Amino acid sequence: MYQKNMLVFAVETSCDETSVCIMNEDKTILSHIVYSQEIHKKHGGVVPELASRAHLEILQHITKEALKESGVKLNDIDLFAATCGPGLIGGLLIGSTFTKSLSIGSNKPFVPINHLEAHVLSTFYNNKIALPHLSLLVTGGHTQIYKLDNINEIELIGETIDDAVGEAFDKVAKILGLNYPGGAELERRALKGNEDKFSLPQPLINENNLNFSFSGLKTAINIIAKKNHINEEFVNDMSASFQKCISAILEKKLEKAIKLLNTSDKKFFELSIVGGVANNKYIRTKLTRVCKRKNMNLVLPINEMMSDNAAMIAWACINKLGKSKKNIYFRPNPRLSIKYD
C-alpha cells in the first residue's frame, strides 16, 4: 500500500507511444504503462493521423488499467500532468485534452509538461546529478545538447539543423530494406558487419559550432545503395559503417562542447544521455570512452524512462513542484522549446 504524499497522474502522447503513469511524490511508481503503436510498421514510419486515432482508442483503457494496478482512485490524484509539446499536434491535443478533462472532473490542478525538459530531467530520478551538467538528448525527433546549471536553468547549446539521429536511423534502415522502427534492427545487423567498409560523410564536423546535420549522411547512403546490390553482406556492412559514423559525429561534437564549456571557474564532471537512441549499446560505449578521456561520469535514466514514456512526465512534474505553472488553459505547442521566464 502506498504512503499518501502528493500523487501525480501523467500522460505522454507526443508521438507513437501512448503512456500513463501514477507516481507518488516520494518517487514510487505505482503504475506505468507504455503502449507502442504497431500500426505504423506497415507504413515504414509514423502516420500522424493514425497515431492520433490510436491514442484516442488506447488512453481510456490504459488509464483504467493503471488505476486498477495502483489501487488508486481518480479522486486520490492531486495533480494531473500531460505532455504539451513538442510533438505531433494531434497526439498532443488528445493527451492534454483527456488529462485536462480528468483534472476538471476531479477539481484538481493540471500541469503542462515540456517533453524535452522531461527527458533532460529523467536522469535526476536515479542519479545524484553533479552541477553544472551536460545532457545529450537523442530521440527520433530531436538531437540536442543542453547545459544545466540547475533544474530551472537548462540552456540549449547545440542541435540538429535537419534530421534527428533517431530519424536518420529509421530512414537508413528503410533504404536498406529493414523494418520500422529501424534503430534496433540496424544495431543488430551492425554487429555482423565491417564498420570500415564504407567511408561516410560527417556533416558540420569541422564547423565551429555544436550543431548537427544528418540529412546529407542519409543521402550519401541512398546514393551508395543505388549503385550496389543490397544483399545481406551489404546491409550488415552499411549498418556498421553508418553506426560508426553517427557515433563519431556525436563524440566530436561532445568533445568540442566540453572543451568550450570547461573554464577555470566552471568544470563539467558529468554527461547524461537521454532519449530512445541512448538504448544503442554501441553509441553508449563510444560516449563512455569520451567521458573517460575527459574525466567525466556518464549517467543514464532508468530503462523505463529512456524512450517516450509517462513516468518521465510525472517525474518532471514532481521535480518542479512549487515551480511548475498549473495552467488548464495552456495550449499544446508542437514546437515547444525549453524556456524560462
Protein backbone atom coordinates (compact mmCIF):
# COMPACT_ATOMS: atom_id res chain seq x y z
CA MET A 1 0.00 0.00 0.00
CA TYR A 2 1.45 3.39 -0.98
CA GLN A 3 2.09 6.12 1.55
CA LYS A 4 -0.02 9.14 0.65
CA ASN A 5 2.02 12.17 -0.28
CA MET A 6 1.39 14.06 -3.49
CA LEU A 7 0.05 11.79 -6.24
CA VAL A 8 0.59 12.65 -9.91
CA PHE A 9 -1.27 11.18 -12.87
CA ALA A 10 0.72 11.76 -16.08
CA VAL A 11 0.09 11.20 -19.79
CA GLU A 12 2.53 11.06 -22.72
CA THR A 13 1.20 11.12 -26.32
CA SER A 14 3.70 13.22 -28.27
CA CYS A 15 4.37 10.65 -31.00
CA ASP A 16 3.52 6.95 -31.34
CA GLU A 17 3.76 5.79 -27.71
CA THR A 18 0.63 6.07 -25.58
CA SER A 19 1.62 6.09 -21.94
CA VAL A 20 0.17 6.80 -18.49
CA CYS A 21 1.85 6.81 -15.09
CA ILE A 22 0.76 7.24 -11.49
CA MET A 23 3.68 8.34 -9.33
CA ASN A 24 3.98 9.24 -5.67
CA GLU A 25 5.87 12.36 -4.66
CA ASP A 26 8.42 10.06 -2.95
CA LYS A 27 9.31 8.73 -6.46
CA THR A 28 7.40 5.47 -6.07
CA ILE A 29 5.92 4.39 -9.41
CA LEU A 30 2.54 2.90 -8.60
CA SER A 31 1.71 2.12 -12.20
CA HIS A 32 3.39 2.79 -15.53
CA ILE A 33 2.01 1.61 -18.85
CA VAL A 34 3.61 2.25 -22.25
CA TYR A 35 1.73 1.12 -25.35
CA SER A 36 3.77 1.18 -28.56
CA GLN A 37 1.53 1.53 -31.59
CA GLU A 38 2.16 -1.32 -34.06
CA ILE A 39 0.06 0.16 -36.86
CA HIS A 40 2.94 2.27 -38.22
CA LYS A 41 5.15 -0.71 -39.13
CA LYS A 42 3.39 -1.40 -42.41
CA HIS A 43 3.80 2.26 -43.42
CA GLY A 44 7.52 2.39 -42.63
CA GLY A 45 7.13 5.40 -40.32
CA VAL A 46 4.73 7.25 -38.04
CA VAL A 47 1.50 8.39 -39.73
CA PRO A 48 0.25 11.33 -37.58
CA GLU A 49 -3.47 10.75 -38.24
CA LEU A 50 -3.21 7.06 -37.35
CA ALA A 51 -1.19 7.90 -34.25
CA SER A 52 -3.88 10.33 -33.08
CA ARG A 53 -6.64 7.78 -33.56
CA ALA A 54 -4.65 5.13 -31.70
CA HIS A 55 -4.06 7.49 -28.74
CA LEU A 56 -7.81 8.17 -28.60
CA GLU A 57 -8.63 4.46 -28.60
CA ILE A 58 -5.96 3.40 -26.10
CA LEU A 59 -5.88 6.16 -23.46
CA GLN A 60 -9.12 5.28 -21.67
CA HIS A 61 -8.23 1.58 -21.50
CA ILE A 62 -4.74 2.03 -20.07
CA THR A 63 -5.96 4.71 -17.63
CA LYS A 64 -8.45 2.23 -16.16
CA GLU A 65 -5.71 -0.39 -16.07
CA ALA A 66 -3.29 1.98 -14.29
CA LEU A 67 -5.86 2.95 -11.66
CA LYS A 68 -6.66 -0.71 -11.03
CA GLU A 69 -3.00 -1.73 -10.87
CA SER A 70 -2.09 1.07 -8.45
CA GLY A 71 -5.12 0.70 -6.21
CA VAL A 72 -5.65 4.44 -6.55
CA LYS A 73 -8.99 6.14 -7.18
CA LEU A 74 -9.22 9.08 -9.53
CA ASN A 75 -10.20 11.38 -6.66
CA ASP A 76 -6.95 10.45 -4.87
CA ILE A 77 -4.89 12.15 -7.58
CA ASP A 78 -3.51 15.55 -6.55
CA LEU A 79 -2.01 16.74 -9.85
CA PHE A 80 -2.70 15.87 -13.47
CA ALA A 81 0.14 16.36 -15.96
CA ALA A 82 0.47 15.81 -19.71
CA THR A 83 2.98 16.41 -22.45
CA CYS A 84 2.03 19.68 -24.17
CA GLY A 85 4.90 19.84 -26.64
CA PRO A 86 6.89 19.44 -28.67
CA GLY A 87 5.48 16.63 -30.79
CA LEU A 88 2.72 15.77 -33.24
CA ILE A 89 -0.11 18.24 -32.69
CA GLY A 90 -2.87 15.62 -32.94
CA GLY A 91 -1.33 13.46 -30.23
CA LEU A 92 -0.59 16.45 -28.02
CA LEU A 93 -4.20 17.65 -28.29
CA ILE A 94 -5.64 14.26 -27.45
CA GLY A 95 -3.36 13.59 -24.50
CA SER A 96 -3.65 17.05 -22.98
CA THR A 97 -7.41 17.34 -23.53
CA PHE A 98 -8.00 13.92 -22.00
CA THR A 99 -5.87 14.78 -18.95
CA LYS A 100 -7.42 18.25 -18.58
CA SER A 101 -10.86 16.61 -18.58
CA LEU A 102 -9.82 14.33 -15.72
CA SER A 103 -8.42 17.29 -13.78
CA ILE A 104 -11.62 19.30 -14.25
CA GLY A 105 -13.78 16.32 -13.27
CA SER A 106 -11.68 15.77 -10.14
CA ASN A 107 -11.37 19.51 -9.39
CA LYS A 108 -7.58 19.18 -9.25
CA PRO A 109 -4.83 21.23 -10.97
CA PHE A 110 -3.43 20.48 -14.44
CA VAL A 111 0.30 20.95 -15.14
CA PRO A 112 1.56 21.21 -18.75
CA ILE A 113 4.91 19.48 -19.22
CA ASN A 114 7.61 20.07 -21.82
CA HIS A 115 8.59 16.73 -23.37
CA LEU A 116 12.23 17.77 -23.88
CA GLU A 117 12.60 19.03 -20.34
CA ALA A 118 11.16 15.75 -19.04
CA HIS A 119 13.81 13.81 -20.97
CA VAL A 120 16.62 16.01 -19.64
CA LEU A 121 15.37 15.75 -16.04
CA SER A 122 14.86 11.97 -16.25
CA THR A 123 18.42 11.26 -15.06
CA PHE A 124 17.70 13.10 -11.80
CA TYR A 125 15.33 10.25 -10.86
CA ASN A 126 18.04 7.65 -10.24
CA ASN A 127 21.25 9.71 -10.03
CA LYS A 128 22.67 12.39 -7.78
CA ILE A 129 23.48 14.84 -10.55
CA ALA A 130 26.61 16.98 -10.30
CA LEU A 131 26.05 20.55 -11.46
CA PRO A 132 26.86 22.11 -13.85
CA HIS A 133 25.88 19.23 -16.09
CA LEU A 134 25.86 18.34 -19.80
CA SER A 135 22.97 16.43 -21.36
CA LEU A 136 22.80 14.86 -24.82
CA LEU A 137 19.21 14.34 -25.99
CA VAL A 138 18.94 11.81 -28.83
CA THR A 139 15.48 10.77 -29.99
CA GLY A 140 13.52 10.17 -33.17
CA GLY A 141 12.64 13.86 -33.39
CA HIS A 142 15.48 15.67 -31.62
CA THR A 143 19.25 15.73 -31.31
CA GLN A 144 20.31 18.43 -28.87
CA ILE A 145 23.00 19.32 -26.34
CA TYR A 146 21.92 21.10 -23.16
CA LYS A 147 23.89 22.52 -20.28
CA LEU A 148 22.26 22.61 -16.86
CA ASP A 149 23.24 24.95 -14.07
CA ASN A 150 20.24 23.65 -12.09
CA ILE A 151 16.81 22.18 -12.94
CA ASN A 152 15.46 25.66 -13.65
CA GLU A 153 18.39 26.79 -15.80
CA ILE A 154 18.58 24.49 -18.82
CA GLU A 155 20.19 26.03 -21.89
CA LEU A 156 20.21 24.64 -25.42
CA ILE A 157 23.75 24.94 -26.83
CA GLY A 158 23.58 22.72 -29.92
CA GLU A 159 21.01 20.93 -32.07
CA THR A 160 20.41 19.29 -35.44
CA ILE A 161 19.59 21.62 -38.31
CA ASP A 162 17.70 18.89 -40.18
CA ASP A 163 17.15 15.20 -39.32
CA ALA A 164 17.46 13.88 -35.78
CA VAL A 165 19.65 10.86 -35.00
CA GLY A 166 16.67 8.55 -34.47
CA GLU A 167 15.08 9.76 -37.70
CA ALA A 168 18.34 9.09 -39.55
CA PHE A 169 18.44 5.55 -38.18
CA ASP A 170 14.88 4.90 -39.38
CA LYS A 171 15.46 6.42 -42.82
CA VAL A 172 18.69 4.50 -43.40
CA ALA A 173 17.00 1.30 -42.20
CA LYS A 174 14.25 1.90 -44.77
CA ILE A 175 16.85 2.39 -47.55
CA LEU A 176 18.38 -0.95 -46.53
CA GLY A 177 15.00 -2.69 -46.57
CA LEU A 178 14.78 -3.16 -42.80
CA ASN A 179 11.56 -2.99 -40.82
CA TYR A 180 10.30 0.06 -38.91
CA PRO A 181 11.29 1.10 -36.31
CA GLY A 182 14.74 0.66 -37.76
CA GLY A 183 17.06 1.59 -34.91
CA ALA A 184 17.16 -1.72 -33.07
CA GLU A 185 17.26 -3.78 -36.27
CA LEU A 186 20.08 -1.67 -37.71
CA GLU A 187 22.07 -2.02 -34.48
CA ARG A 188 21.60 -5.80 -34.60
CA ARG A 189 22.73 -6.02 -38.23
CA ALA A 190 25.75 -3.81 -37.49
CA LEU A 191 27.12 -6.48 -35.14
CA LYS A 192 27.69 -8.71 -38.19
CA GLY A 193 29.18 -6.02 -40.44
CA ASN A 194 32.50 -4.36 -41.21
CA GLU A 195 32.31 -0.80 -39.86
CA ASP A 196 35.25 0.29 -42.03
CA LYS A 197 33.71 -0.90 -45.29
CA PHE A 198 32.21 2.46 -46.29
CA SER A 199 33.66 5.93 -45.78
CA LEU A 200 30.71 8.17 -44.98
CA PRO A 201 30.47 11.98 -44.67
CA GLN A 202 30.33 13.71 -41.29
CA PRO A 203 28.42 16.97 -41.96
CA LEU A 204 29.28 20.07 -39.88
CA ILE A 205 32.00 18.16 -38.05
CA ASN A 206 34.64 20.83 -38.69
CA GLU A 207 32.29 23.79 -38.18
CA ASN A 208 32.96 25.98 -35.17
CA ASN A 209 29.60 25.26 -33.53
CA LEU A 210 27.81 22.48 -31.63
CA ASN A 211 25.11 21.82 -34.24
CA PHE A 212 24.47 18.56 -36.09
CA SER A 213 23.34 17.59 -39.57
CA PHE A 214 22.36 14.08 -40.64
CA SER A 215 20.35 14.63 -43.83
CA GLY A 216 23.44 14.57 -46.08
CA LEU A 217 24.61 11.33 -44.49
CA LYS A 218 21.29 9.68 -45.33
CA THR A 219 21.53 10.98 -48.92
CA ALA A 220 25.07 9.61 -49.30
CA ILE A 221 23.94 6.17 -48.16
CA ASN A 222 21.00 6.28 -50.55
CA ILE A 223 23.36 7.01 -53.47
CA ILE A 224 25.70 4.17 -52.46
CA ALA A 225 22.77 1.77 -52.07
CA LYS A 226 21.54 2.51 -55.60
CA LYS A 227 24.96 1.63 -57.01
CA ASN A 228 25.18 -1.68 -55.16
CA HIS A 229 23.30 -4.95 -54.86
CA ILE A 230 21.53 -4.80 -51.48
CA ASN A 231 22.27 -8.25 -50.09
CA GLU A 232 22.82 -9.35 -46.50
CA GLU A 233 26.54 -8.52 -46.54
CA PHE A 234 25.89 -5.01 -47.89
CA VAL A 235 23.18 -4.35 -45.27
CA ASN A 236 25.41 -5.54 -42.42
CA ASP A 237 28.44 -3.54 -43.58
CA MET A 238 26.45 -0.37 -44.23
CA SER A 239 24.66 -0.68 -40.87
CA ALA A 240 28.02 -0.94 -39.11
CA SER A 241 29.59 1.90 -41.11
CA PHE A 242 26.59 4.17 -40.51
CA GLN A 243 26.55 3.44 -36.78
CA LYS A 244 30.30 4.17 -36.57
CA CYS A 245 29.82 7.46 -38.47
CA ILE A 246 26.93 8.60 -36.23
CA SER A 247 28.94 7.79 -33.11
CA ALA A 248 31.99 9.68 -34.41
CA ILE A 249 29.86 12.79 -35.05
CA LEU A 250 28.36 12.67 -31.56
CA GLU A 251 31.80 12.08 -30.00
CA LYS A 252 33.46 15.01 -31.76
CA LYS A 253 30.65 17.46 -31.05
CA LEU A 254 30.55 16.49 -27.37
CA GLU A 255 34.32 16.81 -27.06
CA LYS A 256 34.03 20.26 -28.62
CA ALA A 257 31.26 21.18 -26.15
CA ILE A 258 33.29 20.01 -23.16
CA LYS A 259 36.36 21.94 -24.32
CA LEU A 260 34.28 25.06 -24.92
CA LEU A 261 32.43 24.97 -21.59
CA ASN A 262 35.19 23.92 -19.22
CA THR A 263 36.88 27.01 -17.79
CA SER A 264 38.99 27.78 -14.74
CA ASP A 265 35.79 28.83 -12.94
CA LYS A 266 33.44 26.10 -14.14
CA LYS A 267 34.07 22.38 -14.69
CA PHE A 268 31.71 19.73 -16.02
CA PHE A 269 32.13 16.32 -14.41
CA GLU A 270 29.07 14.52 -15.77
CA LEU A 271 27.37 13.83 -19.08
CA SER A 272 23.94 12.28 -19.39
CA ILE A 273 22.47 10.64 -22.49
CA VAL A 274 18.68 10.63 -22.68
CA GLY A 275 16.09 9.61 -25.26
CA GLY A 276 15.42 6.41 -27.14
CA VAL A 277 18.70 6.38 -29.10
CA ALA A 278 20.53 6.14 -25.77
CA ASN A 279 19.47 2.47 -25.82
CA ASN A 280 22.03 1.87 -28.60
CA LYS A 281 24.87 -0.01 -26.86
CA TYR A 282 27.49 0.88 -29.49
CA ILE A 283 26.84 4.62 -29.18
CA ARG A 284 26.74 4.35 -25.41
CA THR A 285 30.13 2.58 -25.37
CA LYS A 286 31.71 5.22 -27.59
CA LEU A 287 30.41 8.07 -25.44
CA THR A 288 31.58 6.30 -22.30
CA ARG A 289 35.09 6.47 -23.77
CA VAL A 290 34.68 10.20 -24.37
CA CYS A 291 33.80 10.63 -20.70
CA LYS A 292 36.83 8.61 -19.60
CA ARG A 293 39.13 10.75 -21.74
CA LYS A 294 37.61 13.89 -20.24
CA ASN A 295 37.47 12.58 -16.63
CA MET A 296 33.68 12.71 -16.62
CA ASN A 297 30.99 10.29 -15.50
CA LEU A 298 28.32 9.06 -17.89
CA VAL A 299 24.84 8.86 -16.35
CA LEU A 300 21.64 7.37 -17.75
CA PRO A 301 17.97 7.32 -16.78
CA ILE A 302 16.35 4.07 -15.68
CA ASN A 303 15.32 1.92 -18.66
CA GLU A 304 11.65 2.79 -18.11
CA MET A 305 12.41 6.47 -18.72
CA MET A 306 14.70 6.07 -21.74
CA SER A 307 12.19 6.20 -24.61
CA ASP A 308 8.99 8.28 -24.69
CA ASN A 309 7.04 7.49 -21.52
CA ALA A 310 4.70 8.97 -18.92
CA ALA A 311 6.98 8.23 -15.94
CA MET A 312 9.36 10.99 -17.01
CA ILE A 313 6.37 13.34 -17.39
CA ALA A 314 5.23 12.56 -13.83
CA TRP A 315 8.79 12.92 -12.54
CA ALA A 316 9.26 16.29 -14.26
CA CYS A 317 6.05 17.46 -12.60
CA ILE A 318 7.19 16.26 -9.16
CA ASN A 319 10.71 17.59 -9.65
CA LYS A 320 9.37 21.08 -10.20
CA LEU A 321 6.61 21.14 -7.57
CA GLY A 322 6.06 24.71 -6.49
CA LYS A 323 7.75 25.93 -9.69
CA SER A 324 5.52 24.27 -12.29
CA LYS A 325 2.79 26.51 -13.61
CA LYS A 326 -0.63 24.98 -13.12
CA ASN A 327 -2.48 26.09 -16.23
CA ILE A 328 -5.60 24.38 -17.57
CA TYR A 329 -5.63 26.86 -20.48
CA PHE A 330 -2.13 26.02 -21.74
CA ARG A 331 -2.27 25.31 -25.47
CA PRO A 332 -0.24 22.38 -26.83
CA ASN A 333 2.63 23.57 -28.99
CA PRO A 334 4.26 21.15 -31.48
CA ARG A 335 7.42 23.32 -31.48
CA LEU A 336 7.65 24.00 -27.77
CA SER A 337 11.18 24.69 -26.53
CA ILE A 338 12.71 24.86 -23.07
CA LYS A 339 12.43 28.47 -21.93
CA TYR A 340 12.11 30.13 -18.56
CA ASP A 341 10.57 33.42 -17.55
